[in-house]
Amino acid sequence: MRTVIAEVLFCCSLMLPSPMNAQDQADRTPSVGLLVGDPIAASLMLPIGRADFLRLRAGVYTWRLWEQPVIFDVPYVSIDFGRRFSLGGWPDKLYLGVGLAFFFQDNPKDNDDSSGAIAIRVPVGIQLFATNRFALDAELALVHQFAPWYVAQPNFIELNGGVVARYIF
C-alpha cells in the first residue's frame, strides 16, 4: 500500500510545475499586465527570443509625481525592447531595455506649448515572482524628453517605474 501511495505522489509531482518551469513559461509566453506606479498603464509583453522581448504600454503619465496633489493627466504610449540577463544567483530575472515613449499632451514643466512629446526610456527591472499564469515584476526607468527638446532644471532625466502584475496566456 505504501508503494502505491508513493508512486501516485511521485506521478502527481511530475505534473506540478517547478519554479524554473514557471520562470521559463513567464519568459517565453506573451502576457498582458498592469503597471501600477508612475505611469499607470496597460502592458503587453511579446517574447522575441529566449532572452529578448518587446513591451507595449498605453496609459496615463504624470510629470508631477513628487508634488501634491499628484495628477495623472498625460496620455502616453511606449514601446520598449528588453533583454533578460543573469547576475550572480538570479538566473534571467533581471532585464534592461531601451525604448520610446510618446506623450499626447504638453509637459507641464517646460515653457513650450506643444501638443505632445517624445522621450527615450531606459527601463531596468527584476522579476520578483512567477508561476505558470502570473508574474510580478518591479521596474525603474530613466526617461529623457528629446522632442521638443527639454532640459529640466535641475532634473535632466526623469525617473518612472512601478510594479507590473502580468497574466501569462
C-alpha atoms as a PDB file:
ATOM      1  CA  MET A   1       0.000   0.000   0.000  1.00  0.00           C
ATOM      2  CA  ARG A   2       2.835   2.402   0.838  1.00  0.00           C
ATOM      3  CA  THR A   3       4.434   1.676  -2.519  1.00  0.00           C
ATOM      4  CA  VAL A   4       1.216   2.533  -4.369  1.00  0.00           C
ATOM      5  CA  ILE A   5       0.821   5.806  -2.436  1.00  0.00           C
ATOM      6  CA  ALA A   6       4.464   6.704  -3.086  1.00  0.00           C
ATOM      7  CA  GLU A   7       4.060   6.016  -6.823  1.00  0.00           C
ATOM      8  CA  VAL A   8       0.875   8.123  -7.005  1.00  0.00           C
ATOM      9  CA  LEU A   9       2.576  11.015  -5.186  1.00  0.00           C
ATOM     10  CA  PHE A  10       5.599  10.744  -7.474  1.00  0.00           C
ATOM     11  CA  CYS A  11       3.404  10.821 -10.610  1.00  0.00           C
ATOM     12  CA  CYS A  12       1.489  13.824  -9.250  1.00  0.00           C
ATOM     13  CA  SER A  13       4.734  15.652  -8.512  1.00  0.00           C
ATOM     14  CA  LEU A  14       5.778  15.246 -12.149  1.00  0.00           C
ATOM     15  CA  MET A  15       2.661  17.138 -13.233  1.00  0.00           C
ATOM     16  CA  LEU A  16       3.277  20.102 -10.918  1.00  0.00           C
ATOM     17  CA  PRO A  17       5.339  22.943 -12.391  1.00  0.00           C
ATOM     18  CA  SER A  18       8.723  23.583 -10.888  1.00  0.00           C
ATOM     19  CA  PRO A  19       9.798  27.180 -10.218  1.00  0.00           C
ATOM     20  CA  MET A  20      12.203  27.035 -13.175  1.00  0.00           C
ATOM     21  CA  ASN A  21       9.422  25.831 -15.488  1.00  0.00           C
ATOM     22  CA  ALA A  22       7.255  28.706 -14.273  1.00  0.00           C
ATOM     23  CA  GLN A  23      10.141  31.098 -14.931  1.00  0.00           C
ATOM     24  CA  ASP A  24      10.559  29.752 -18.466  1.00  0.00           C
ATOM     25  CA  GLN A  25       6.799  29.948 -19.037  1.00  0.00           C
ATOM     26  CA  ALA A  26       6.731  33.580 -17.885  1.00  0.00           C
ATOM     27  CA  ASP A  27       9.692  34.462 -20.121  1.00  0.00           C
ATOM     28  CA  ARG A  28       8.633  32.674 -23.315  1.00  0.00           C
ATOM     29  CA  THR A  29       4.892  33.324 -23.463  1.00  0.00           C
ATOM     30  CA  PRO A  30       3.019  36.540 -24.321  1.00  0.00           C
ATOM     31  CA  SER A  31       1.429  38.284 -21.364  1.00  0.00           C
ATOM     32  CA  VAL A  32      -0.860  41.182 -20.556  1.00  0.00           C
ATOM     33  CA  GLY A  33      -0.485  43.207 -17.416  1.00  0.00           C
ATOM     34  CA  LEU A  34      -0.979  46.362 -15.447  1.00  0.00           C
ATOM     35  CA  LEU A  35       1.812  48.732 -14.435  1.00  0.00           C
ATOM     36  CA  VAL A  36       0.992  50.491 -11.173  1.00  0.00           C
ATOM     37  CA  GLY A  37       3.237  53.396 -10.257  1.00  0.00           C
ATOM     38  CA  ASP A  38       4.269  56.273 -12.465  1.00  0.00           C
ATOM     39  CA  PRO A  39       2.853  55.756 -15.082  1.00  0.00           C
ATOM     40  CA  ILE A  40      -0.320  53.742 -14.681  1.00  0.00           C
ATOM     41  CA  ALA A  41      -0.613  51.673 -17.842  1.00  0.00           C
ATOM     42  CA  ALA A  42      -1.859  48.517 -19.504  1.00  0.00           C
ATOM     43  CA  SER A  43       1.044  46.401 -20.734  1.00  0.00           C
ATOM     44  CA  LEU A  44       1.521  43.757 -23.432  1.00  0.00           C
ATOM     45  CA  MET A  45       4.765  41.757 -23.430  1.00  0.00           C
ATOM     46  CA  LEU A  46       5.729  39.757 -26.522  1.00  0.00           C
ATOM     47  CA  PRO A  47       8.758  37.436 -26.342  1.00  0.00           C
ATOM     48  CA  ILE A  48      11.082  37.662 -29.348  1.00  0.00           C
ATOM     49  CA  GLY A  49      13.627  35.031 -28.360  1.00  0.00           C
ATOM     50  CA  ARG A  50      14.767  33.225 -25.252  1.00  0.00           C
ATOM     51  CA  ALA A  51      16.075  36.401 -23.606  1.00  0.00           C
ATOM     52  CA  ASP A  52      14.590  39.226 -25.718  1.00  0.00           C
ATOM     53  CA  PHE A  53      11.132  40.768 -25.550  1.00  0.00           C
ATOM     54  CA  LEU A  54       9.064  43.660 -26.823  1.00  0.00           C
ATOM     55  CA  ARG A  55       6.817  45.523 -24.388  1.00  0.00           C
ATOM     56  CA  LEU A  56       3.972  47.825 -25.469  1.00  0.00           C
ATOM     57  CA  ARG A  57       2.231  50.086 -22.960  1.00  0.00           C
ATOM     58  CA  ALA A  58      -0.620  52.584 -23.007  1.00  0.00           C
ATOM     59  CA  GLY A  59      -1.811  54.621 -20.063  1.00  0.00           C
ATOM     60  CA  VAL A  60      -1.539  57.902 -18.219  1.00  0.00           C
ATOM     61  CA  TYR A  61       1.674  59.523 -17.043  1.00  0.00           C
ATOM     62  CA  THR A  62       2.417  62.253 -14.537  1.00  0.00           C
ATOM     63  CA  TRP A  63       5.157  64.830 -14.667  1.00  0.00           C
ATOM     64  CA  ARG A  64       4.279  65.871 -11.108  1.00  0.00           C
ATOM     65  CA  LEU A  65       4.751  62.686  -9.082  1.00  0.00           C
ATOM     66  CA  TRP A  66       6.563  64.375  -6.191  1.00  0.00           C
ATOM     67  CA  GLU A  67       4.203  67.345  -5.958  1.00  0.00           C
ATOM     68  CA  GLN A  68       0.885  67.496  -4.149  1.00  0.00           C
ATOM     69  CA  PRO A  69      -1.653  66.689  -5.376  1.00  0.00           C
ATOM     70  CA  VAL A  70      -0.346  64.009  -7.714  1.00  0.00           C
ATOM     71  CA  ILE A  71      -2.173  64.283 -11.036  1.00  0.00           C
ATOM     72  CA  PHE A  72      -2.058  61.542 -13.680  1.00  0.00           C
ATOM     73  CA  ASP A  73      -3.120  63.558 -16.688  1.00  0.00           C
ATOM     74  CA  VAL A  74      -0.864  62.901 -19.693  1.00  0.00           C
ATOM     75  CA  PRO A  75      -1.918  60.034 -22.022  1.00  0.00           C
ATOM     76  CA  TYR A  76       1.046  58.111 -23.392  1.00  0.00           C
ATOM     77  CA  VAL A  77       2.120  55.046 -25.371  1.00  0.00           C
ATOM     78  CA  SER A  78       5.526  53.401 -25.098  1.00  0.00           C
ATOM     79  CA  ILE A  79       7.385  50.629 -26.858  1.00  0.00           C
ATOM     80  CA  ASP A  80      10.460  49.020 -25.294  1.00  0.00           C
ATOM     81  CA  PHE A  81      12.908  46.389 -26.463  1.00  0.00           C
ATOM     82  CA  GLY A  82      14.311  44.477 -23.499  1.00  0.00           C
ATOM     83  CA  ARG A  83      16.780  41.701 -22.785  1.00  0.00           C
ATOM     84  CA  ARG A  84      16.889  39.434 -19.751  1.00  0.00           C
ATOM     85  CA  PHE A  85      20.209  38.678 -18.139  1.00  0.00           C
ATOM     86  CA  SER A  86      21.540  36.939 -15.064  1.00  0.00           C
ATOM     87  CA  LEU A  87      23.616  38.389 -12.290  1.00  0.00           C
ATOM     88  CA  GLY A  88      25.027  36.230  -9.549  1.00  0.00           C
ATOM     89  CA  GLY A  89      22.449  33.746  -8.280  1.00  0.00           C
ATOM     90  CA  TRP A  90      19.458  35.270 -10.106  1.00  0.00           C
ATOM     91  CA  PRO A  91      19.253  33.440 -13.441  1.00  0.00           C
ATOM     92  CA  ASP A  92      17.492  35.543 -16.111  1.00  0.00           C
ATOM     93  CA  LYS A  93      15.429  37.502 -13.581  1.00  0.00           C
ATOM     94  CA  LEU A  94      16.884  40.924 -14.379  1.00  0.00           C
ATOM     95  CA  TYR A  95      16.190  42.889 -17.542  1.00  0.00           C
ATOM     96  CA  LEU A  96      17.454  46.013 -19.248  1.00  0.00           C
ATOM     97  CA  GLY A  97      15.850  47.755 -22.182  1.00  0.00           C
ATOM     98  CA  VAL A  98      15.587  50.823 -24.352  1.00  0.00           C
ATOM     99  CA  GLY A  99      12.503  52.352 -25.869  1.00  0.00           C
ATOM    100  CA  LEU A 100      10.447  55.348 -26.871  1.00  0.00           C
ATOM    101  CA  ALA A 101       7.555  56.986 -25.051  1.00  0.00           C
ATOM    102  CA  PHE A 102       5.046  59.155 -26.916  1.00  0.00           C
ATOM    103  CA  PHE A 103       3.139  61.711 -24.832  1.00  0.00           C
ATOM    104  CA  PHE A 104      -0.093  63.159 -26.220  1.00  0.00           C
ATOM    105  CA  GLN A 105      -0.145  66.363 -24.187  1.00  0.00           C
ATOM    106  CA  ASP A 106       2.333  69.021 -23.208  1.00  0.00           C
ATOM    107  CA  ASN A 107       4.919  68.522 -20.497  1.00  0.00           C
ATOM    108  CA  PRO A 108       3.689  70.924 -17.786  1.00  0.00           C
ATOM    109  CA  LYS A 109       7.250  71.566 -16.559  1.00  0.00           C
ATOM    110  CA  ASP A 110       8.501  73.226 -19.749  1.00  0.00           C
ATOM    111  CA  ASN A 111       7.590  76.610 -21.220  1.00  0.00           C
ATOM    112  CA  ASP A 112       6.710  75.280 -24.682  1.00  0.00           C
ATOM    113  CA  ASP A 113       3.083  74.935 -25.603  1.00  0.00           C
ATOM    114  CA  SER A 114       3.345  71.762 -27.670  1.00  0.00           C
ATOM    115  CA  SER A 115       0.659  69.168 -28.246  1.00  0.00           C
ATOM    116  CA  GLY A 116       2.909  66.209 -27.485  1.00  0.00           C
ATOM    117  CA  ALA A 117       6.401  64.980 -26.746  1.00  0.00           C
ATOM    118  CA  ILE A 118       8.720  62.047 -27.403  1.00  0.00           C
ATOM    119  CA  ALA A 119      11.106  60.659 -24.808  1.00  0.00           C
ATOM    120  CA  ILE A 120      13.701  57.918 -24.703  1.00  0.00           C
ATOM    121  CA  ARG A 121      13.277  55.327 -21.940  1.00  0.00           C
ATOM    122  CA  VAL A 122      15.849  53.007 -20.373  1.00  0.00           C
ATOM    123  CA  PRO A 123      13.963  50.531 -18.150  1.00  0.00           C
ATOM    124  CA  VAL A 124      15.719  48.286 -15.628  1.00  0.00           C
ATOM    125  CA  GLY A 125      13.704  45.621 -13.849  1.00  0.00           C
ATOM    126  CA  ILE A 126      13.583  42.397 -11.901  1.00  0.00           C
ATOM    127  CA  GLN A 127      11.086  39.570 -11.918  1.00  0.00           C
ATOM    128  CA  LEU A 128      10.018  39.148  -8.299  1.00  0.00           C
ATOM    129  CA  PHE A 129       7.689  36.176  -8.679  1.00  0.00           C
ATOM    130  CA  ALA A 130       6.459  33.855 -11.444  1.00  0.00           C
ATOM    131  CA  THR A 131       4.042  30.959 -11.808  1.00  0.00           C
ATOM    132  CA  ASN A 132       2.667  29.369 -14.968  1.00  0.00           C
ATOM    133  CA  ARG A 133      -0.074  32.026 -15.160  1.00  0.00           C
ATOM    134  CA  PHE A 134       1.087  35.094 -13.210  1.00  0.00           C
ATOM    135  CA  ALA A 135       4.283  37.106 -12.868  1.00  0.00           C
ATOM    136  CA  LEU A 136       5.190  40.125 -10.770  1.00  0.00           C
ATOM    137  CA  ASP A 137       7.948  42.499 -11.914  1.00  0.00           C
ATOM    138  CA  ALA A 138       9.425  45.682 -10.455  1.00  0.00           C
ATOM    139  CA  GLU A 139      10.764  48.298 -12.859  1.00  0.00           C
ATOM    140  CA  LEU A 140      12.580  51.631 -12.738  1.00  0.00           C
ATOM    141  CA  ALA A 141      13.122  53.640 -15.938  1.00  0.00           C
ATOM    142  CA  LEU A 142      15.211  56.664 -16.803  1.00  0.00           C
ATOM    143  CA  VAL A 143      13.230  58.994 -19.099  1.00  0.00           C
ATOM    144  CA  HIS A 144      14.537  61.947 -21.115  1.00  0.00           C
ATOM    145  CA  GLN A 145      12.296  64.066 -23.341  1.00  0.00           C
ATOM    146  CA  PHE A 146      14.090  64.939 -26.586  1.00  0.00           C
ATOM    147  CA  ALA A 147      11.351  66.229 -28.911  1.00  0.00           C
ATOM    148  CA  PRO A 148      10.594  69.030 -28.322  1.00  0.00           C
ATOM    149  CA  TRP A 149      13.989  69.452 -26.658  1.00  0.00           C
ATOM    150  CA  TYR A 150      13.637  69.929 -22.918  1.00  0.00           C
ATOM    151  CA  VAL A 151      16.202  70.239 -20.163  1.00  0.00           C
ATOM    152  CA  ALA A 152      14.502  70.392 -16.796  1.00  0.00           C
ATOM    153  CA  GLN A 153      16.289  72.352 -14.165  1.00  0.00           C
ATOM    154  CA  PRO A 154      17.763  70.713 -12.146  1.00  0.00           C
ATOM    155  CA  ASN A 155      16.459  67.362 -13.473  1.00  0.00           C
ATOM    156  CA  PHE A 156      17.874  66.404 -16.869  1.00  0.00           C
ATOM    157  CA  ILE A 157      16.448  62.898 -16.515  1.00  0.00           C
ATOM    158  CA  GLU A 158      13.098  61.925 -15.038  1.00  0.00           C
ATOM    159  CA  LEU A 159      12.524  58.628 -13.237  1.00  0.00           C
ATOM    160  CA  ASN A 160       9.458  56.468 -13.515  1.00  0.00           C
ATOM    161  CA  GLY A 161       8.514  52.912 -12.771  1.00  0.00           C
ATOM    162  CA  GLY A 162       6.414  50.729 -10.584  1.00  0.00           C
ATOM    163  CA  VAL A 163       5.183  47.187 -10.163  1.00  0.00           C
ATOM    164  CA  VAL A 164       3.889  45.198 -13.139  1.00  0.00           C
ATOM    165  CA  ALA A 165       1.405  42.387 -12.496  1.00  0.00           C
ATOM    166  CA  ARG A 166       1.236  40.143 -15.596  1.00  0.00           C
ATOM    167  CA  TYR A 167      -1.181  37.413 -16.703  1.00  0.00           C
ATOM    168  CA  ILE A 168       0.524  34.856 -18.943  1.00  0.00           C
ATOM    169  CA  PHE A 169      -1.638  33.267 -21.630  1.00  0.00           C
END
